[in-house]
Amino acid sequence: MRQQRRNLSAEALYSAAVALSDQLVRLNHFQRARHIGLYWPMQGEISPLPIMQYPIAANKHFYLPVLAGRFARSLRFAPFHPNANAVLRHNRFRIPEPQVSPRQYRSVRELDLLILPLVAFDAEGYRLGMGGGFYDHSLAHLPHRRSWRRPRLIGVGHAFQEVPHVPREPWDIPLGIVCTEKACYRVSS
């Protein structure tokens, strides 16, 4: 899957990103959310960033994940808007992060919606990530909540990344919705 993503042309990636954003803006979860975590696309990942340019996004706050500390296992989220002359720096994995004061960081629990990348996904909403466990560790609180669970999770990927079954570990958290450039699927409550 990773190789197939990396082989996509710049034009195919752009087209997929715009089509994905068209799907996402129609979701009630997106329309109601005020604080939304995104990610910086790497190695052919489908980009959620164009969604910030839609008129519906005007009153929303967007955040990108940051590794707060050299040996951090959990993600924090820093405010990001491309039109605000955002300063980005690369983390230890060469992924751009907003360079802001740590006082501006938000925990994942403070987000209404989290749009996260995947390497593969299945119809039951399980995702295969890049293997670092950063999202799993950051979202470990979700299964222990009995009422409203923030954030709502939307996994995004290219349609070809769907597989019959993703290997599961006890700590894996299923997604509520998976969106591709072709459609969005509700996969759990």
Protein backbone atom coordinates (compact mmCIF):
# COMPACT_ATOMS: atom_id res chain seq x y z
CA MET A 1 0.00 0.00 0.00
CA ARG A 2 2.76 2.42 0.92
CA GLN A 3 4.55 1.82 -2.38
CA GLN A 4 1.32 2.24 -4.32
CA ARG A 5 0.74 5.58 -2.57
CA ARG A 6 4.27 6.76 -3.32
CA ASN A 7 3.78 5.92 -7.00
CA LEU A 8 0.85 8.33 -7.38
CA SER A 9 1.52 11.39 -9.53
CA ALA A 10 1.24 14.91 -8.15
CA GLU A 11 -1.87 15.41 -10.28
CA ALA A 12 -3.50 12.23 -8.92
CA LEU A 13 -2.70 13.27 -5.34
CA TYR A 14 -4.17 16.73 -5.86
CA SER A 15 -7.31 15.37 -7.49
CA ALA A 16 -7.78 12.84 -4.68
CA ALA A 17 -7.28 15.54 -2.02
CA VAL A 18 -9.94 17.80 -3.53
CA ALA A 19 -12.37 14.89 -3.94
CA LEU A 20 -11.73 13.84 -0.32
CA SER A 21 -12.44 17.36 0.90
CA ASP A 22 -15.70 17.38 -1.07
CA GLN A 23 -16.67 14.22 0.84
CA LEU A 24 -15.61 15.52 4.26
CA VAL A 25 -17.46 18.86 4.13
CA ARG A 26 -20.76 17.02 3.73
CA LEU A 27 -20.37 15.12 7.01
CA ASN A 28 -22.42 16.34 9.98
CA HIS A 29 -19.45 15.65 12.26
CA PHE A 30 -17.33 18.05 10.22
CA GLN A 31 -20.05 20.68 9.97
CA ARG A 32 -20.57 20.71 13.76
CA ALA A 33 -16.92 20.52 14.80
CA ARG A 34 -15.06 23.66 15.83
CA HIS A 35 -11.64 22.20 16.72
CA ILE A 36 -10.33 19.78 14.11
CA GLY A 37 -7.08 17.84 14.06
CA LEU A 38 -5.58 17.16 10.64
CA TYR A 39 -2.18 15.81 9.56
CA TRP A 40 0.55 16.81 7.13
CA PRO A 41 0.50 14.28 4.26
CA MET A 42 3.70 12.32 3.61
CA GLN A 43 4.72 9.62 1.15
CA GLY A 44 1.57 9.71 -0.97
CA GLU A 45 -0.94 9.96 1.88
CA ILE A 46 -4.17 11.59 0.77
CA SER A 47 -4.16 15.20 1.92
CA PRO A 48 -6.90 16.60 4.16
CA LEU A 49 -5.41 20.11 3.97
CA PRO A 50 -7.59 21.49 1.12
CA ILE A 51 -10.59 21.28 3.44
CA MET A 52 -9.32 24.39 5.21
CA GLN A 53 -10.03 26.46 2.09
CA TYR A 54 -13.76 25.69 1.95
CA PRO A 55 -16.13 28.48 3.07
CA ILE A 56 -17.59 26.22 5.78
CA ALA A 57 -14.12 26.10 7.38
CA ALA A 58 -13.97 29.85 7.99
CA ASN A 59 -15.02 29.63 11.67
CA LYS A 60 -13.18 26.43 12.49
CA HIS A 61 -9.81 25.96 14.18
CA PHE A 62 -7.36 23.47 12.69
CA TYR A 63 -4.45 21.71 14.36
CA LEU A 64 -1.56 19.52 13.27
CA PRO A 65 0.03 16.85 15.46
CA VAL A 66 3.33 17.57 17.20
CA LEU A 67 5.67 15.34 19.13
CA ALA A 68 6.07 17.37 22.29
CA GLY A 69 9.49 16.29 23.50
CA ARG A 70 12.32 14.22 22.15
CA PHE A 71 10.94 10.88 23.37
CA ALA A 72 7.23 11.70 23.21
CA ARG A 73 4.86 8.77 22.59
CA SER A 74 1.65 10.84 22.58
CA LEU A 75 0.68 13.56 20.19
CA ARG A 76 -0.23 17.10 21.08
CA PHE A 77 -1.91 19.38 18.54
CA ALA A 78 -0.67 22.81 17.50
CA PRO A 79 -2.81 25.45 15.78
CA PHE A 80 -2.26 25.67 12.04
CA HIS A 81 -3.60 27.75 9.21
CA PRO A 82 -1.71 28.02 5.92
CA ASN A 83 -2.82 31.61 5.29
CA ALA A 84 -1.36 32.83 8.58
CA ASN A 85 2.27 32.50 7.42
CA ALA A 86 2.67 29.43 9.60
CA VAL A 87 6.23 28.54 10.51
CA LEU A 88 6.86 24.81 10.27
CA ARG A 89 9.79 22.76 11.53
CA HIS A 90 10.55 19.09 10.95
CA ASN A 91 10.26 16.60 13.79
CA ARG A 92 12.53 13.57 14.21
CA PHE A 93 10.60 11.75 11.46
CA ARG A 94 10.99 14.70 9.04
CA ILE A 95 7.28 15.55 9.32
CA PRO A 96 6.51 19.30 9.38
CA GLU A 97 5.00 20.63 12.62
CA PRO A 98 3.78 24.15 13.45
CA GLN A 99 6.40 26.02 15.42
CA VAL A 100 4.34 27.59 18.20
CA SER A 101 4.66 27.99 21.93
CA PRO A 102 3.82 24.80 23.87
CA ARG A 103 1.18 26.88 25.69
CA GLN A 104 -0.80 26.81 22.44
CA TYR A 105 -0.83 23.01 22.24
CA ARG A 106 -4.09 21.14 22.72
CA SER A 107 -4.52 17.60 23.90
CA VAL A 108 -6.40 15.20 21.65
CA ARG A 109 -9.29 15.32 24.16
CA GLU A 110 -9.79 19.01 23.37
CA LEU A 111 -10.51 18.30 19.71
CA ASP A 112 -14.02 17.73 18.42
CA LEU A 113 -12.86 15.81 15.37
CA LEU A 114 -9.64 14.08 14.41
CA ILE A 115 -8.92 13.26 10.78
CA LEU A 116 -6.14 10.72 10.69
CA PRO A 117 -4.12 8.95 8.01
CA LEU A 118 -3.91 5.25 7.39
CA VAL A 119 -1.96 2.70 5.39
CA ALA A 120 -4.92 0.32 5.10
CA PHE A 121 -8.45 0.02 6.50
CA ASP A 122 -11.23 -2.54 6.60
CA ALA A 123 -15.04 -2.40 6.59
CA GLU A 124 -15.15 -2.67 10.39
CA GLY A 125 -13.26 0.59 10.80
CA TYR A 126 -9.89 -0.76 11.84
CA ARG A 127 -6.84 0.97 10.46
CA LEU A 128 -3.28 0.04 9.89
CA GLY A 129 -1.02 2.99 10.55
CA MET A 130 2.67 3.57 9.97
CA GLY A 131 3.61 1.48 13.00
CA GLY A 132 4.73 4.11 15.48
CA GLY A 133 1.65 3.81 17.70
CA PHE A 134 1.41 7.57 18.25
CA TYR A 135 -2.30 7.80 17.43
CA ASP A 136 -3.07 4.60 19.39
CA HIS A 137 -1.28 5.93 22.45
CA SER A 138 -2.90 9.36 22.15
CA LEU A 139 -6.40 7.86 21.82
CA ALA A 140 -6.08 5.22 24.54
CA HIS A 141 -8.65 7.08 26.69
CA LEU A 142 -11.53 6.56 24.23
CA PRO A 143 -12.57 2.99 25.14
CA HIS A 144 -12.78 3.96 28.82
CA ARG A 145 -15.33 6.72 28.32
CA ARG A 146 -19.00 5.86 28.80
CA SER A 147 -20.53 9.03 27.43
CA TRP A 148 -19.48 11.47 24.71
CA ARG A 149 -16.10 10.46 23.37
CA ARG A 150 -13.95 13.24 22.01
CA PRO A 151 -12.66 13.42 19.48
CA ARG A 152 -14.75 11.77 16.80
CA LEU A 153 -12.42 9.82 14.53
CA ILE A 154 -12.39 9.91 10.75
CA GLY A 155 -9.76 7.86 8.96
CA VAL A 156 -8.89 8.96 5.46
CA GLY A 157 -7.11 7.17 2.66
CA HIS A 158 -7.21 6.35 -1.00
CA ALA A 159 -9.98 3.95 -2.06
CA PHE A 160 -7.39 1.34 -3.04
CA GLN A 161 -6.25 1.15 0.61
CA GLU A 162 -9.33 -0.84 1.65
CA VAL A 163 -8.51 -4.47 2.50
CA PRO A 164 -10.70 -7.38 3.66
CA HIS A 165 -9.19 -7.49 7.17
CA VAL A 166 -6.70 -5.39 9.10
CA PRO A 167 -4.65 -7.22 11.76
CA ARG A 168 -5.80 -6.09 15.22
CA GLU A 169 -4.18 -5.57 18.57
CA PRO A 170 -6.07 -5.16 21.87
CA TRP A 171 -5.23 -1.43 21.99
CA ASP A 172 -6.51 -0.65 18.48
CA ILE A 173 -9.40 1.81 18.35
CA PRO A 174 -11.89 1.48 15.49
CA LEU A 175 -12.73 4.55 13.47
CA GLY A 176 -16.24 5.97 13.39
CA ILE A 177 -16.03 6.91 9.72
CA VAL A 178 -13.63 6.21 6.88
CA CYS A 179 -13.48 8.56 3.90
CA THR A 180 -11.77 8.16 0.58
CA GLU A 181 -11.82 10.28 -2.55
CA LYS A 182 -14.87 8.24 -3.62
CA ALA A 183 -17.10 8.03 -0.54
CA CYS A 184 -17.45 8.15 3.23
CA TYR A 185 -18.50 5.07 5.19
CA ARG A 186 -19.89 4.95 8.72
CA VAL A 187 -18.24 1.93 10.25
CA SER A 188 -19.01 2.12 13.99
CA SER A 189 -21.09 4.14 16.41
